[in-house]
Amino acid sequence: MLTIEHVTKSYDKKKLALNQASLTLNPGDLVGFIGHNGAGKTTLLKCIAGILAPDEGVISLDGLTLPKDEILFKRKIAYIPDHPTLYEGLTGLEYVHFIADAFQVPTSIRLQRITLYGNQFDMQDMLGKPIASYSHGMKQKTALIAHLVHEPRLLLLDEPFVGLDPKAAFQLKQVFKSLTQAGAMILFSSHILEVVEKLTNRIAIIQQGKIIREGTTPDVIKDQSLESYFLELHS
């Protein structure tokens, strides 16, 4: 279980980027995280990933708490930003092995998973080529492969569908479903409200750093589309 309790963060000690944000994810949850630009989505994802330290509040995963259990906590998660920064002097395969080494994934297991996800994302023929030659979508897929190799307990993604072609987006949705069916937790931000509405089992809405609505997808949207609800909420 992931618990986020009363997390507050300010970059300038004046305006709050996060304001007492609280959220809980249970095993198998696939949560869509939505809000306008500047609402605090990326800040909260970075706090959960241990990249930013909150000013107040507690973040814990399966009994591990940041920053006290930082190393063990980070071994259980994967964070993929909207524009992943990869080492472009490496091939895709070298980068994937580099990440797998960091998480101490045994060779036999990593090779199986590289083959699995390489095939799922149609990257098997490209992983041996330099990352510098990749398109944005190929870089995204390489980052996904690299960060799925250690089978994270919690997957955090910032706008994962931006830049993906329709086939790759479909493949990512299938991966999400298989991971959550196996008990993983996924929290992803997205501006593509139709994807959030159809893919997730829960939705969290953030406004001015505060999570103002959270619940099952049917309960949040009720009898209207998520797009109309979201526009109504922020009108």
Foldseek 3Di string as FASTA:
>chain_A
DKWWFQFWADPPVPAILAGGAIDDDFFLFAEEEEEDPSLNQVVVLCCQLVNDPTPDTWIDDPRRTPPVNPVVSNLQEEEAEPQRDFDQQAALQVRLVVLCVVSVPDPVQLVVLLVVLCVLQVNPVRRRDGNVPDDSQNVLSSSVSSRPSSPHLEYEYEASCPPHDPSNVVSVLVVSNVSSVVGHHYYYYHPPQVCNLPRGQKYWYGGSNYGPDIDGSCVQQPPHGPVVSVVVVVD
